[in-house]
Amino acid sequence: MTQLPNDQHITYQFQFRKCGKASCSTCREGQGHGPYWYAYWREGSRLRSGYIGKVSPEEAGYAQTAGAR
């Protein structure tokens, strides 16, 4: 699990990812692997992200997900 900041606004997204292997039929013939949950927040001017996994942020024990997309 990724350590997320407590004092930042966090946005959650459910995404597919491509592994980049030429022999991967999942990526070549479909959307990719997943979907997986990712968290996004800002640290100064930088956008940071953290992998959460296949379970929703709420089930994984992260803070409120009312603003989740």
PDB file of N, CA and C in Angstrom:
ATOM      1  N   MET A   1       0.827  -1.186   0.000  1.00  0.00           N
ATOM      2  CA  MET A   1       0.000   0.000   0.000  1.00  0.00           C
ATOM      3  C   MET A   1       0.871   1.248   0.000  1.00  0.00           C
ATOM      4  N   THR A   2       0.398   2.256  -0.673  1.00  0.00           N
ATOM      5  CA  THR A   2       1.099   3.519  -0.758  1.00  0.00           C
ATOM      6  C   THR A   2       0.735   4.389   0.435  1.00  0.00           C
ATOM      7  N   GLN A   3       1.715   5.099   0.999  1.00  0.00           N
ATOM      8  CA  GLN A   3       1.451   6.030   2.088  1.00  0.00           C
ATOM      9  C   GLN A   3       0.965   7.341   1.475  1.00  0.00           C
ATOM     10  N   LEU A   4      -0.290   7.702   1.723  1.00  0.00           N
ATOM     11  CA  LEU A   4      -0.863   8.920   1.168  1.00  0.00           C
ATOM     12  C   LEU A   4      -0.820  10.031   2.202  1.00  0.00           C
ATOM     13  N   PRO A   5      -0.689  11.278   1.752  1.00  0.00           N
ATOM     14  CA  PRO A   5      -0.653  12.397   2.698  1.00  0.00           C
ATOM     15  C   PRO A   5      -2.017  12.603   3.354  1.00  0.00           C
ATOM     16  N   ASN A   6      -2.006  13.046   4.597  1.00  0.00           N
ATOM     17  CA  ASN A   6      -3.251  13.287   5.326  1.00  0.00           C
ATOM     18  C   ASN A   6      -3.793  14.692   5.110  1.00  0.00           C
ATOM     19  N   ASP A   7      -2.916  15.630   4.768  1.00  0.00           N
ATOM     20  CA  ASP A   7      -3.301  17.028   4.689  1.00  0.00           C
ATOM     21  C   ASP A   7      -3.517  17.543   3.259  1.00  0.00           C
ATOM     22  N   GLN A   8      -3.676  16.660   2.293  1.00  0.00           N
ATOM     23  CA  GLN A   8      -3.838  17.048   0.888  1.00  0.00           C
ATOM     24  C   GLN A   8      -5.189  16.571   0.356  1.00  0.00           C
ATOM     25  N   HIS A   9      -5.683  17.298  -0.657  1.00  0.00           N
ATOM     26  CA  HIS A   9      -6.866  16.826  -1.382  1.00  0.00           C
ATOM     27  C   HIS A   9      -6.417  15.690  -2.299  1.00  0.00           C
ATOM     28  N   ILE A  10      -7.080  14.556  -2.219  1.00  0.00           N
ATOM     29  CA  ILE A  10      -6.696  13.383  -3.000  1.00  0.00           C
ATOM     30  C   ILE A  10      -7.836  13.011  -3.935  1.00  0.00           C
ATOM     31  N   THR A  11      -7.500  12.755  -5.195  1.00  0.00           N
ATOM     32  CA  THR A  11      -8.458  12.290  -6.195  1.00  0.00           C
ATOM     33  C   THR A  11      -8.120  10.844  -6.524  1.00  0.00           C
ATOM     34  N   TYR A  12      -9.149  10.002  -6.581  1.00  0.00           N
ATOM     35  CA  TYR A  12      -8.952   8.578  -6.882  1.00  0.00           C
ATOM     36  C   TYR A  12      -9.460   8.282  -8.281  1.00  0.00           C
ATOM     37  N   GLN A  13      -8.702   7.456  -9.020  1.00  0.00           N
ATOM     38  CA  GLN A  13      -9.105   7.054 -10.373  1.00  0.00           C
ATOM     39  C   GLN A  13      -8.897   5.560 -10.551  1.00  0.00           C
ATOM     40  N   PHE A  14      -9.797   4.952 -11.317  1.00  0.00           N
ATOM     41  CA  PHE A  14      -9.768   3.540 -11.671  1.00  0.00           C
ATOM     42  C   PHE A  14      -9.218   3.464 -13.085  1.00  0.00           C
ATOM     43  N   GLN A  15      -8.031   2.859 -13.298  1.00  0.00           N
ATOM     44  CA  GLN A  15      -7.371   2.912 -14.603  1.00  0.00           C
ATOM     45  C   GLN A  15      -6.852   1.557 -15.056  1.00  0.00           C
ATOM     46  N   PHE A  16      -6.790   1.400 -16.379  1.00  0.00           N
ATOM     47  CA  PHE A  16      -6.105   0.278 -17.006  1.00  0.00           C
ATOM     48  C   PHE A  16      -4.690   0.724 -17.322  1.00  0.00           C
ATOM     49  N   ARG A  17      -3.730  -0.179 -17.274  1.00  0.00           N
ATOM     50  CA  ARG A  17      -2.338   0.139 -17.590  1.00  0.00           C
ATOM     51  C   ARG A  17      -1.784  -0.874 -18.583  1.00  0.00           C
ATOM     52  N   LYS A  18      -0.897  -0.413 -19.446  1.00  0.00           N
ATOM     53  CA  LYS A  18      -0.221  -1.284 -20.412  1.00  0.00           C
ATOM     54  C   LYS A  18       1.179  -1.572 -19.909  1.00  0.00           C
ATOM     55  N   CYS A  19       1.603  -2.833 -20.008  1.00  0.00           N
ATOM     56  CA  CYS A  19       2.899  -3.233 -19.465  1.00  0.00           C
ATOM     57  C   CYS A  19       4.047  -2.919 -20.420  1.00  0.00           C
ATOM     58  N   GLY A  20       3.778  -2.794 -21.703  1.00  0.00           N
ATOM     59  CA  GLY A  20       4.812  -2.443 -22.656  1.00  0.00           C
ATOM     60  C   GLY A  20       5.530  -3.628 -23.283  1.00  0.00           C
ATOM     61  N   LYS A  21       5.179  -4.848 -22.891  1.00  0.00           N
ATOM     62  CA  LYS A  21       5.823  -6.024 -23.487  1.00  0.00           C
ATOM     63  C   LYS A  21       5.196  -6.309 -24.851  1.00  0.00           C
ATOM     64  N   ALA A  22       6.016  -6.527 -25.848  1.00  0.00           N
ATOM     65  CA  ALA A  22       5.529  -6.778 -27.204  1.00  0.00           C
ATOM     66  C   ALA A  22       4.724  -8.074 -27.300  1.00  0.00           C
ATOM     67  N   SER A  23       5.025  -9.043 -26.456  1.00  0.00           N
ATOM     68  CA  SER A  23       4.355 -10.339 -26.523  1.00  0.00           C
ATOM     69  C   SER A  23       3.091 -10.418 -25.671  1.00  0.00           C
ATOM     70  N   CYS A  24       2.694  -9.349 -25.008  1.00  0.00           N
ATOM     71  CA  CYS A  24       1.536  -9.365 -24.108  1.00  0.00           C
ATOM     72  C   CYS A  24       0.241  -9.216 -24.897  1.00  0.00           C
ATOM     73  N   SER A  25      -0.546 -10.273 -24.947  1.00  0.00           N
ATOM     74  CA  SER A  25      -1.800 -10.238 -25.700  1.00  0.00           C
ATOM     75  C   SER A  25      -2.863  -9.402 -24.982  1.00  0.00           C
ATOM     76  N   THR A  26      -2.782  -9.291 -23.666  1.00  0.00           N
ATOM     77  CA  THR A  26      -3.742  -8.481 -22.911  1.00  0.00           C
ATOM     78  C   THR A  26      -3.648  -7.023 -23.331  1.00  0.00           C
ATOM     79  N   CYS A  27      -2.448  -6.519 -23.490  1.00  0.00           N
ATOM     80  CA  CYS A  27      -2.252  -5.127 -23.902  1.00  0.00           C
ATOM     81  C   CYS A  27      -2.474  -4.941 -25.393  1.00  0.00           C
ATOM     82  N   ARG A  28      -2.025  -5.910 -26.168  1.00  0.00           N
ATOM     83  CA  ARG A  28      -2.113  -5.799 -27.626  1.00  0.00           C
ATOM     84  C   ARG A  28      -3.565  -5.872 -28.093  1.00  0.00           C
ATOM     85  N   GLU A  29      -4.381  -6.704 -27.461  1.00  0.00           N
ATOM     86  CA  GLU A  29      -5.743  -6.947 -27.936  1.00  0.00           C
ATOM     87  C   GLU A  29      -6.823  -6.281 -27.087  1.00  0.00           C
ATOM     88  N   GLY A  30      -6.442  -5.635 -26.016  1.00  0.00           N
ATOM     89  CA  GLY A  30      -7.445  -5.045 -25.134  1.00  0.00           C
ATOM     90  C   GLY A  30      -7.007  -3.718 -24.547  1.00  0.00           C
ATOM     91  N   GLN A  31      -7.660  -3.349 -23.451  1.00  0.00           N
ATOM     92  CA  GLN A  31      -7.375  -2.074 -22.796  1.00  0.00           C
ATOM     93  C   GLN A  31      -6.087  -2.110 -21.992  1.00  0.00           C
ATOM     94  N   GLY A  32      -5.672  -3.276 -21.603  1.00  0.00           N
ATOM     95  CA  GLY A  32      -4.479  -3.415 -20.776  1.00  0.00           C
ATOM     96  C   GLY A  32      -4.802  -4.176 -19.507  1.00  0.00           C
ATOM     97  N   HIS A  33      -3.912  -4.097 -18.538  1.00  0.00           N
ATOM     98  CA  HIS A  33      -4.091  -4.806 -17.272  1.00  0.00           C
ATOM     99  C   HIS A  33      -4.910  -3.953 -16.324  1.00  0.00           C
ATOM    100  N   GLY A  34      -5.636  -4.613 -15.450  1.00  0.00           N
ATOM    101  CA  GLY A  34      -6.412  -3.879 -14.452  1.00  0.00           C
ATOM    102  C   GLY A  34      -7.888  -4.135 -14.615  1.00  0.00           C
ATOM    103  N   PRO A  35      -8.688  -3.219 -14.205  1.00  0.00           N
ATOM    104  CA  PRO A  35      -8.356  -1.866 -13.764  1.00  0.00           C
ATOM    105  C   PRO A  35      -7.838  -1.851 -12.323  1.00  0.00           C
ATOM    106  N   TYR A  36      -7.026  -0.821 -12.035  1.00  0.00           N
ATOM    107  CA  TYR A  36      -6.439  -0.628 -10.710  1.00  0.00           C
ATOM    108  C   TYR A  36      -6.784   0.765 -10.214  1.00  0.00           C
ATOM    109  N   TRP A  37      -6.835   0.927  -8.896  1.00  0.00           N
ATOM    110  CA  TRP A  37      -7.073   2.224  -8.275  1.00  0.00           C
ATOM    111  C   TRP A  37      -5.749   2.961  -8.091  1.00  0.00           C
ATOM    112  N   TYR A  38      -5.747   4.271  -8.409  1.00  0.00           N
ATOM    113  CA  TYR A  38      -4.606   5.144  -8.202  1.00  0.00           C
ATOM    114  C   TYR A  38      -5.077   6.404  -7.486  1.00  0.00           C
ATOM    115  N   ALA A  39      -4.223   6.964  -6.648  1.00  0.00           N
ATOM    116  CA  ALA A  39      -4.510   8.217  -5.947  1.00  0.00           C
ATOM    117  C   ALA A  39      -3.618   9.306  -6.539  1.00  0.00           C
ATOM    118  N   TYR A  40      -4.165  10.519  -6.669  1.00  0.00           N
ATOM    119  CA  TYR A  40      -3.419  11.662  -7.193  1.00  0.00           C
ATOM    120  C   TYR A  40      -3.572  12.837  -6.247  1.00  0.00           C
ATOM    121  N   TRP A  41      -2.458  13.554  -5.984  1.00  0.00           N
ATOM    122  CA  TRP A  41      -2.467  14.737  -5.146  1.00  0.00           C
ATOM    123  C   TRP A  41      -1.326  15.653  -5.571  1.00  0.00           C
ATOM    124  N   ARG A  42      -1.340  16.885  -5.096  1.00  0.00           N
ATOM    125  CA  ARG A  42      -0.303  17.866  -5.422  1.00  0.00           C
ATOM    126  C   ARG A  42       0.617  18.084  -4.230  1.00  0.00           C
ATOM    127  N   GLU A  43       1.903  18.163  -4.531  1.00  0.00           N
ATOM    128  CA  GLU A  43       2.910  18.585  -3.560  1.00  0.00           C
ATOM    129  C   GLU A  43       3.601  19.780  -4.196  1.00  0.00           C
ATOM    130  N   GLY A  44       3.207  20.957  -3.756  1.00  0.00           N
ATOM    131  CA  GLY A  44       3.693  22.169  -4.410  1.00  0.00           C
ATOM    132  C   GLY A  44       3.127  22.227  -5.820  1.00  0.00           C
ATOM    133  N   SER A  45       3.994  22.316  -6.813  1.00  0.00           N
ATOM    134  CA  SER A  45       3.536  22.362  -8.202  1.00  0.00           C
ATOM    135  C   SER A  45       3.573  20.993  -8.872  1.00  0.00           C
ATOM    136  N   ARG A  46       4.030  19.967  -8.157  1.00  0.00           N
ATOM    137  CA  ARG A  46       4.154  18.630  -8.741  1.00  0.00           C
ATOM    138  C   ARG A  46       2.917  17.773  -8.466  1.00  0.00           C
ATOM    139  N   LEU A  47       2.514  17.043  -9.490  1.00  0.00           N
ATOM    140  CA  LEU A  47       1.430  16.087  -9.339  1.00  0.00           C
ATOM    141  C   LEU A  47       2.040  14.747  -8.949  1.00  0.00           C
ATOM    142  N   ARG A  48       1.604  14.204  -7.839  1.00  0.00           N
ATOM    143  CA  ARG A  48       2.103  12.916  -7.342  1.00  0.00           C
ATOM    144  C   ARG A  48       1.014  11.874  -7.493  1.00  0.00           C
ATOM    145  N   SER A  49       1.423  10.619  -7.592  1.00  0.00           N
ATOM    146  CA  SER A  49       0.448   9.536  -7.690  1.00  0.00           C
ATOM    147  C   SER A  49       0.906   8.367  -6.843  1.00  0.00           C
ATOM    148  N   GLY A  50      -0.061   7.550  -6.464  1.00  0.00           N
ATOM    149  CA  GLY A  50       0.247   6.360  -5.684  1.00  0.00           C
ATOM    150  C   GLY A  50      -0.680   5.227  -6.077  1.00  0.00           C
ATOM    151  N   TYR A  51      -0.109   4.049  -6.195  1.00  0.00           N
ATOM    152  CA  TYR A  51      -0.867   2.854  -6.541  1.00  0.00           C
ATOM    153  C   TYR A  51      -1.591   2.355  -5.298  1.00  0.00           C
ATOM    154  N   ILE A  52      -2.881   2.055  -5.434  1.00  0.00           N
ATOM    155  CA  ILE A  52      -3.654   1.513  -4.320  1.00  0.00           C
ATOM    156  C   ILE A  52      -3.912   0.035  -4.526  1.00  0.00           C
ATOM    157  N   GLY A  53      -4.332  -0.373  -5.717  1.00  0.00           N
ATOM    158  CA  GLY A  53      -4.553  -1.779  -6.005  1.00  0.00           C
ATOM    159  C   GLY A  53      -5.917  -2.036  -6.613  1.00  0.00           C
ATOM    160  N   LYS A  54      -6.342  -3.272  -6.575  1.00  0.00           N
ATOM    161  CA  LYS A  54      -7.619  -3.655  -7.172  1.00  0.00           C
ATOM    162  C   LYS A  54      -8.820  -3.323  -6.292  1.00  0.00           C
ATOM    163  N   VAL A  55      -8.619  -3.253  -4.977  1.00  0.00           N
ATOM    164  CA  VAL A  55      -9.740  -2.923  -4.091  1.00  0.00           C
ATOM    165  C   VAL A  55      -9.910  -1.412  -4.038  1.00  0.00           C
ATOM    166  N   SER A  56     -11.142  -0.967  -3.800  1.00  0.00           N
ATOM    167  CA  SER A  56     -11.412   0.470  -3.767  1.00  0.00           C
ATOM    168  C   SER A  56     -10.672   1.126  -2.605  1.00  0.00           C
ATOM    169  N   PRO A  57     -10.412   2.419  -2.694  1.00  0.00           N
ATOM    170  CA  PRO A  57      -9.716   3.116  -1.616  1.00  0.00           C
ATOM    171  C   PRO A  57     -10.445   2.982  -0.278  1.00  0.00           C
ATOM    172  N   GLU A  58     -11.750   2.975  -0.327  1.00  0.00           N
ATOM    173  CA  GLU A  58     -12.549   2.826   0.890  1.00  0.00           C
ATOM    174  C   GLU A  58     -12.306   1.462   1.538  1.00  0.00           C
ATOM    175  N   GLU A  59     -12.296   0.406   0.738  1.00  0.00           N
ATOM    176  CA  GLU A  59     -12.053  -0.951   1.246  1.00  0.00           C
ATOM    177  C   GLU A  59     -10.609  -1.129   1.712  1.00  0.00           C
ATOM    178  N   ALA A  60      -9.685  -0.386   1.111  1.00  0.00           N
ATOM    179  CA  ALA A  60      -8.271  -0.500   1.464  1.00  0.00           C
ATOM    180  C   ALA A  60      -7.943   0.271   2.735  1.00  0.00           C
ATOM    181  N   GLY A  61      -8.910   1.014   3.271  1.00  0.00           N
ATOM    182  CA  GLY A  61      -8.698   1.737   4.513  1.00  0.00           C
ATOM    183  C   GLY A  61      -8.173   3.135   4.352  1.00  0.00           C
ATOM    184  N   TYR A  62      -8.282   3.717   3.159  1.00  0.00           N
ATOM    185  CA  TYR A  62      -7.863   5.095   2.963  1.00  0.00           C
ATOM    186  C   TYR A  62      -8.995   6.012   3.384  1.00  0.00           C
ATOM    187  N   ALA A  63      -8.674   7.273   3.556  1.00  0.00           N
ATOM    188  CA  ALA A  63      -9.641   8.277   4.015  1.00  0.00           C
ATOM    189  C   ALA A  63     -10.826   8.357   3.072  1.00  0.00           C
ATOM    190  N   GLN A  64     -11.739   9.228   3.415  1.00  0.00           N
ATOM    191  CA  GLN A  64     -12.995   9.369   2.685  1.00  0.00           C
ATOM    192  C   GLN A  64     -12.809   9.403   1.176  1.00  0.00           C
ATOM    193  N   THR A  65     -13.737   8.812   0.465  1.00  0.00           N
ATOM    194  CA  THR A  65     -13.666   8.766  -1.002  1.00  0.00           C
ATOM    195  C   THR A  65     -14.876   9.472  -1.617  1.00  0.00           C
ATOM    196  N   ALA A  66     -15.459  10.417  -0.900  1.00  0.00           N
ATOM    197  CA  ALA A  66     -16.654  11.102  -1.398  1.00  0.00           C
ATOM    198  C   ALA A  66     -16.385  11.815  -2.715  1.00  0.00           C
ATOM    199  N   GLY A  67     -15.158  12.295  -2.927  1.00  0.00           N
ATOM    200  CA  GLY A  67     -14.833  13.004  -4.155  1.00  0.00           C
ATOM    201  C   GLY A  67     -14.207  12.097  -5.209  1.00  0.00           C
ATOM    202  N   ALA A  68     -14.298  10.809  -5.025  1.00  0.00           N
ATOM    203  CA  ALA A  68     -13.672   9.865  -5.948  1.00  0.00           C
ATOM    204  C   ALA A  68     -14.328   9.931  -7.314  1.00  0.00           C
ATOM    205  N   ARG A  69     -13.499   9.734  -8.314  1.00  0.00           N
ATOM    206  CA  ARG A  69     -14.022   9.704  -9.697  1.00  0.00           C
ATOM    207  C   ARG A  69     -13.741   8.363 -10.301  1.00  0.00           C
TER     208      ARG A  69
END
